[in-house]
Protein backbone atom coordinates (compact mmCIF):
# COMPACT_ATOMS: atom_id res chain seq x y z
CA MET A 1 -108.86 -39.11 -143.30
CA LEU A 2 -105.88 -37.74 -145.27
CA ILE A 3 -106.66 -34.70 -147.41
CA VAL A 4 -104.22 -33.75 -150.14
CA ILE A 5 -104.36 -30.16 -151.36
CA PHE A 6 -102.80 -29.19 -154.69
CA LEU A 7 -101.76 -25.59 -155.19
CA VAL A 8 -101.58 -24.20 -158.70
CA LEU A 9 -99.07 -21.37 -158.87
CA PRO A 10 -98.85 -18.85 -161.73
CA VAL A 11 -95.84 -19.08 -164.01
CA PHE A 12 -94.33 -15.86 -165.21
CA ALA A 13 -92.29 -15.65 -168.41
CA SER A 14 -88.83 -14.16 -168.16
CA GLU A 15 -86.66 -12.80 -170.94
CA THR A 16 -85.98 -16.37 -172.03
CA THR A 17 -89.00 -18.66 -171.62
CA LYS A 18 -88.88 -22.46 -171.66
CA ILE A 19 -91.84 -24.05 -173.47
CA PRO A 20 -92.55 -27.69 -174.40
CA ALA A 21 -91.61 -28.83 -177.87
CA ALA A 22 -94.61 -29.23 -180.17
CA ASP A 23 -94.30 -33.01 -180.58
CA SER A 24 -93.32 -33.86 -177.01
CA ASP A 25 -94.81 -37.19 -175.81
CA ASP A 26 -94.37 -36.36 -172.13
CA ASP A 27 -94.06 -33.41 -169.80
CA SER A 28 -90.33 -33.79 -169.13
CA SER A 29 -87.95 -30.87 -169.73
CA SER A 30 -85.86 -32.86 -172.20
CA GLY A 31 -88.14 -31.82 -175.05
CA SER A 32 -88.24 -28.09 -174.23
CA VAL A 33 -86.84 -25.18 -176.16
CA LEU A 34 -85.88 -21.62 -175.24
CA VAL A 35 -87.73 -18.71 -176.77
CA ASP A 36 -86.26 -15.22 -176.92
CA ALA A 37 -88.97 -12.90 -175.60
CA GLU A 38 -87.49 -10.04 -177.63
CA THR A 39 -87.78 -11.73 -181.04
CA ASN A 40 -90.14 -14.65 -180.24
CA GLU A 41 -87.61 -16.94 -181.91
CA GLU A 42 -86.27 -20.23 -180.60
CA VAL A 43 -82.73 -20.10 -179.21
CA ALA A 44 -80.42 -22.88 -178.14
CA GLY A 45 -79.40 -21.05 -175.00
CA ILE A 46 -77.28 -18.38 -173.37
CA ILE A 47 -73.56 -18.68 -174.05
CA ASP A 48 -72.27 -15.95 -171.71
CA THR A 49 -72.81 -12.32 -170.67
CA LEU A 50 -70.75 -9.59 -172.31
CA ARG A 51 -69.99 -6.58 -170.10
CA VAL A 52 -69.41 -3.24 -171.86
CA PHE A 53 -68.58 0.24 -170.53
CA THR A 54 -68.50 3.62 -172.27
CA TYR A 55 -67.09 6.84 -170.83
CA ASN A 56 -66.31 10.36 -172.01
CA ILE A 57 -63.36 10.91 -169.65
CA ARG A 58 -62.52 14.56 -170.50
CA HIS A 59 -58.80 13.59 -170.66
CA GLY A 60 -59.03 12.36 -167.05
CA ARG A 61 -60.03 15.70 -165.57
CA GLY A 62 -62.64 15.44 -162.84
CA LEU A 63 -65.09 17.92 -161.37
CA ASP A 64 -62.37 19.00 -158.97
CA ASP A 65 -60.32 20.10 -162.03
CA GLN A 66 -57.65 17.51 -161.20
CA ILE A 67 -56.36 14.93 -163.67
CA ASP A 68 -56.58 11.56 -161.92
CA LEU A 69 -56.35 8.52 -164.18
CA ARG A 70 -56.39 6.08 -161.28
CA ARG A 71 -59.79 7.49 -160.36
CA ILE A 72 -61.02 6.85 -163.91
CA ALA A 73 -59.65 3.30 -163.75
CA ASP A 74 -61.34 2.66 -160.41
CA VAL A 75 -64.73 3.68 -161.81
CA ILE A 76 -64.27 1.28 -164.73
CA ARG A 77 -62.84 -1.57 -162.64
CA GLU A 78 -65.90 -1.61 -160.42
CA LYS A 79 -67.87 -3.23 -163.26
CA ASP A 80 -65.08 -5.52 -164.52
CA PRO A 81 -66.02 -5.00 -168.19
CA HIS A 82 -64.78 -7.06 -171.12
CA LEU A 83 -64.82 -3.94 -173.33
CA VAL A 84 -64.49 -0.20 -172.70
CA THR A 85 -64.97 2.67 -175.13
CA LEU A 86 -63.54 6.07 -174.31
CA GLN A 87 -63.97 9.56 -175.69
CA GLU A 88 -61.89 12.73 -175.24
CA VAL A 89 -58.66 10.80 -174.84
CA ASP A 90 -55.27 12.57 -174.78
CA VAL A 91 -51.97 10.95 -175.70
CA GLY A 92 -48.90 13.11 -175.07
CA VAL A 93 -50.93 16.32 -174.75
CA GLU A 94 -49.61 19.21 -172.65
CA ARG A 95 -52.88 19.90 -170.77
CA SER A 96 -52.87 16.35 -169.39
CA CYS A 97 -49.20 16.31 -168.35
CA ARG A 98 -48.24 14.61 -171.64
CA PHE A 99 -49.52 11.32 -170.23
CA ASP A 100 -50.27 8.47 -172.62
CA ILE A 101 -53.72 7.99 -171.16
CA MET A 102 -54.46 4.80 -173.09
CA GLN A 103 -51.27 3.09 -171.95
CA ILE A 104 -51.79 4.16 -168.34
CA LEU A 105 -55.40 2.92 -168.24
CA SER A 106 -54.30 -0.24 -170.02
CA GLY A 107 -51.80 -0.86 -167.24
CA TYR A 108 -54.27 -0.19 -164.44
CA LEU A 109 -56.94 -2.42 -165.98
CA ASP A 110 -54.82 -5.06 -167.75
CA MET A 111 -56.64 -4.52 -171.04
CA GLU A 112 -55.36 -4.06 -174.59
CA PRO A 113 -55.45 -0.41 -175.69
CA ILE A 114 -56.61 0.83 -179.11
CA PHE A 115 -56.28 4.51 -179.99
CA ASN A 116 -56.35 6.64 -183.10
CA GLU A 117 -55.79 10.35 -183.45
CA ASN A 118 -58.58 12.57 -184.70
CA ILE A 119 -56.70 15.83 -184.20
CA PRO A 120 -53.18 16.83 -183.13
CA HIS A 121 -53.33 18.93 -179.97
CA GLN A 122 -50.72 20.68 -177.81
CA GLY A 123 -47.89 18.51 -179.03
CA GLY A 124 -49.82 15.24 -178.79
CA SER A 125 -52.90 13.43 -180.08
CA TYR A 126 -56.58 13.61 -179.21
CA GLY A 127 -59.28 11.09 -180.14
CA ASN A 128 -61.30 8.04 -179.14
CA GLY A 129 -60.09 4.86 -177.50
CA ILE A 130 -61.05 1.27 -176.83
CA LEU A 131 -59.81 -1.07 -174.09
CA SER A 132 -60.33 -4.79 -174.60
CA ALA A 133 -59.93 -7.82 -172.36
CA LEU A 134 -60.89 -9.94 -175.39
CA PRO A 135 -58.77 -10.88 -178.42
CA VAL A 136 -58.77 -8.03 -180.96
CA LEU A 137 -59.23 -9.20 -184.56
CA SER A 138 -59.07 -5.82 -186.34
CA GLU A 139 -59.27 -2.08 -185.78
CA ARG A 140 -59.88 0.96 -187.96
CA ASN A 141 -60.48 4.68 -187.50
CA LEU A 142 -62.68 6.79 -189.75
CA HIS A 143 -62.39 10.57 -189.90
CA PHE A 144 -65.88 11.88 -190.53
CA ILE A 145 -66.64 14.12 -193.47
CA GLN A 146 -67.94 17.32 -191.83
CA PRO A 147 -69.67 19.69 -194.27
CA GLU A 148 -69.76 22.54 -191.75
CA GLY A 149 -66.14 22.17 -190.62
CA GLY A 150 -65.21 22.35 -186.95
CA GLU A 151 -63.13 20.02 -184.82
CA GLN A 152 -62.37 16.76 -186.61
CA ARG A 153 -64.44 13.90 -185.24
CA GLY A 154 -64.08 10.19 -185.84
CA LEU A 155 -65.34 6.64 -185.44
CA LEU A 156 -63.00 4.05 -183.91
CA THR A 157 -64.11 0.47 -184.63
CA ALA A 158 -62.71 -2.82 -183.37
CA GLU A 159 -63.64 -6.43 -184.03
CA VAL A 160 -63.18 -8.68 -181.02
CA GLU A 161 -63.73 -12.37 -180.35
CA PHE A 162 -66.05 -13.55 -177.60
CA HIS A 163 -66.55 -17.31 -177.30
CA GLU A 164 -65.45 -17.68 -180.93
CA VAL A 165 -68.08 -15.15 -182.02
CA ARG A 166 -67.05 -11.94 -183.79
CA ILE A 167 -68.39 -8.80 -182.09
CA VAL A 168 -68.01 -5.28 -183.53
CA LEU A 169 -67.56 -2.35 -181.14
CA MET A 170 -67.67 1.33 -182.10
CA SER A 171 -66.52 4.39 -180.13
CA THR A 172 -67.45 7.86 -181.35
CA HIS A 173 -67.80 11.50 -180.29
CA LEU A 174 -69.95 13.68 -182.52
CA ASP A 175 -69.87 17.44 -183.09
CA ASN A 176 -71.32 19.35 -180.14
CA ARG A 177 -72.33 22.46 -182.10
CA ARG A 178 -73.47 21.60 -185.61
CA GLU A 179 -76.52 19.41 -186.21
CA GLU A 180 -75.67 19.02 -189.90
CA ASN A 181 -72.27 17.56 -189.02
CA ARG A 182 -73.91 15.11 -186.62
CA LYS A 183 -76.44 14.02 -189.25
CA VAL A 184 -73.71 13.40 -191.82
CA SER A 185 -71.60 11.55 -189.24
CA VAL A 186 -74.50 9.23 -188.46
CA GLU A 187 -74.79 8.36 -192.16
CA GLN A 188 -71.13 7.37 -192.09
CA ILE A 189 -71.71 5.21 -189.01
CA ILE A 190 -74.51 3.46 -190.87
CA GLU A 191 -72.26 2.90 -193.91
CA THR A 192 -69.48 1.55 -191.69
CA LYS A 193 -71.94 -0.85 -190.07
CA ARG A 194 -72.61 -2.46 -193.45
CA ALA A 195 -68.95 -3.48 -193.73
CA TYR A 196 -69.33 -5.92 -190.82
CA ARG A 197 -71.94 -8.28 -192.21
CA GLY A 198 -72.52 -11.33 -190.05
CA ALA A 199 -71.57 -9.75 -186.73
CA PRO A 200 -73.53 -8.20 -183.87
CA ILE A 201 -72.61 -4.51 -183.58
CA ILE A 202 -72.48 -2.22 -180.54
CA ALA A 203 -72.14 1.53 -181.21
CA THR A 204 -71.29 3.70 -178.23
CA GLY A 205 -70.17 7.15 -177.25
CA ASP A 206 -70.98 10.81 -176.84
CA PHE A 207 -73.43 11.70 -179.62
CA ASN A 208 -74.04 15.25 -178.36
CA ALA A 209 -77.72 14.75 -179.20
CA ILE A 210 -80.72 14.30 -176.96
CA PRO A 211 -83.44 11.66 -177.40
CA GLY A 212 -85.84 12.63 -180.17
CA SER A 213 -83.29 14.76 -182.01
CA PRO A 214 -82.67 14.12 -185.75
CA THR A 215 -79.39 12.37 -184.88
CA HIS A 216 -81.07 10.06 -182.38
CA ILE A 217 -84.03 9.30 -184.64
CA ARG A 218 -81.76 8.39 -187.56
CA MET A 219 -79.60 6.08 -185.41
CA LYS A 220 -82.74 4.27 -184.27
CA GLU A 221 -83.63 3.42 -187.86
CA TYR A 222 -80.63 1.05 -187.91
CA PHE A 223 -79.88 0.35 -184.23
CA ASP A 224 -81.80 -0.22 -181.01
CA ASP A 225 -81.31 2.35 -178.25
CA VAL A 226 -80.28 0.27 -175.24
CA TRP A 227 -81.58 2.78 -172.71
CA GLU A 228 -85.05 2.68 -174.24
CA LYS A 229 -85.08 -1.11 -173.99
CA VAL A 230 -83.78 -1.77 -170.47
CA GLY A 231 -82.82 1.54 -168.84
CA GLU A 232 -84.46 2.85 -165.68
CA GLY A 233 -84.81 6.38 -164.35
CA ASP A 234 -84.02 9.52 -166.33
CA GLY A 235 -80.76 8.22 -167.83
CA TYR A 236 -79.07 11.62 -167.69
CA THR A 237 -75.34 11.54 -168.43
CA PHE A 238 -74.37 15.23 -168.61
CA HIS A 239 -73.28 17.49 -166.91
CA ALA A 240 -71.99 15.39 -164.00
CA ALA A 241 -72.25 18.36 -161.63
CA ASN A 242 -75.94 18.78 -162.48
CA PRO A 243 -77.13 16.16 -164.98
CA THR A 244 -80.08 17.33 -167.06
CA ARG A 245 -79.91 15.38 -170.35
CA ILE A 246 -78.89 12.21 -172.15
CA ILE A 247 -76.15 12.66 -174.75
CA ASP A 248 -74.13 9.44 -174.22
CA TYR A 249 -75.52 6.20 -175.63
CA PHE A 250 -75.35 2.50 -176.25
CA PHE A 251 -76.87 1.40 -179.55
CA TYR A 252 -76.78 -2.16 -180.89
CA THR A 253 -78.03 -4.29 -183.76
CA ASN A 254 -78.19 -7.92 -184.88
CA ASN A 255 -79.60 -7.01 -188.29
CA LEU A 256 -76.56 -8.30 -190.17
CA VAL A 257 -76.37 -11.60 -188.26
CA GLU A 258 -77.40 -14.62 -190.30
CA ASP A 259 -80.21 -16.84 -189.03
CA GLY A 260 -78.99 -19.46 -186.60
CA ASN A 261 -75.80 -17.61 -185.65
CA ALA A 262 -75.06 -16.14 -182.24
CA ARG A 263 -76.44 -12.70 -181.51
CA LEU A 264 -76.65 -10.23 -178.63
CA ARG A 265 -79.57 -9.48 -176.36
CA VAL A 266 -79.31 -6.55 -173.96
CA VAL A 267 -80.36 -7.35 -170.39
CA LYS A 268 -79.04 -4.45 -168.31
CA MET A 269 -77.92 -0.84 -168.54
CA GLU A 270 -77.10 1.71 -165.89
CA VAL A 271 -75.73 5.23 -165.66
CA ILE A 272 -73.01 5.42 -163.02
CA GLU A 273 -72.70 8.57 -160.94
CA SER A 274 -69.09 9.73 -160.67
CA ASP A 275 -67.12 12.96 -160.31
CA ALA A 276 -64.12 11.64 -162.27
CA SER A 277 -65.22 13.47 -165.46
CA ASP A 278 -67.89 15.94 -166.56
CA HIS A 279 -69.89 13.01 -168.02
CA PHE A 280 -71.36 10.02 -166.22
CA PRO A 281 -70.24 6.68 -167.66
CA ILE A 282 -72.68 4.02 -168.84
CA TYR A 283 -72.48 0.27 -168.26
CA ALA A 284 -74.41 -2.40 -170.17
CA GLU A 285 -74.68 -6.17 -170.20
CA PHE A 286 -75.51 -8.24 -173.27
CA GLU A 287 -76.28 -11.95 -173.33
CA LEU A 288 -74.70 -13.83 -176.20
CA ILE A 289 -77.36 -16.29 -177.35
CA ARG A 290 -77.81 -18.86 -180.11
């Protein structure tokens, strides 16, 4: 006698779950839809994965006190990102051999460089940078209003195109000494965000603020903290010789994206251990979904 045994296996939902359409007449997959587990909304599908990297490079100076831009490029290249944001970038500055760091990294990585000066320094310029392997649609640099003075800080913003979708990327480095300056700078980041209605926005950089600080709490009112969503471990980014705290971040938001348009969903983030700077870099992956 032939005995047929049927095994019923549990089905676990992933980040994107396929469920039958409400009016399906059969159990075929042709009538199924994708549901975003993050928002519980139906999505048409995943378009592609966007790879993003952020790094305070301390003008290329590593823990060995040597300036080595090839070493910086090698750390970045390992992840093959579409977009890179950089902080503490020198262009033509004496302390870094008057190198044009953005042009050199651009050459090593075959990416388009974007740089704007926040302060003149030792005969050159110092500020934030962006490297892009995607078409750049626009760029702008904002010098923050800083009520308590100090070193001029700024927000470098670029619009890029990814699968015909406009993505906004921000690179910033906030005051390391004055909480009031950081709080005012965050308000200016929020105001800048409102100028890019319709686009997903990724804000990155060295915020010089730990989780739970006023700066961090205010950012989270308008952005999601990527590490809190998908990060593992302690997430410490500073100091590279003995990391004890998080001060470098990825934030993102789809709040200004109209219903039905493509948006970002973060799926991965990792802190990368390296001695190429006094900060550890951070790498994140975002799925572009409809």
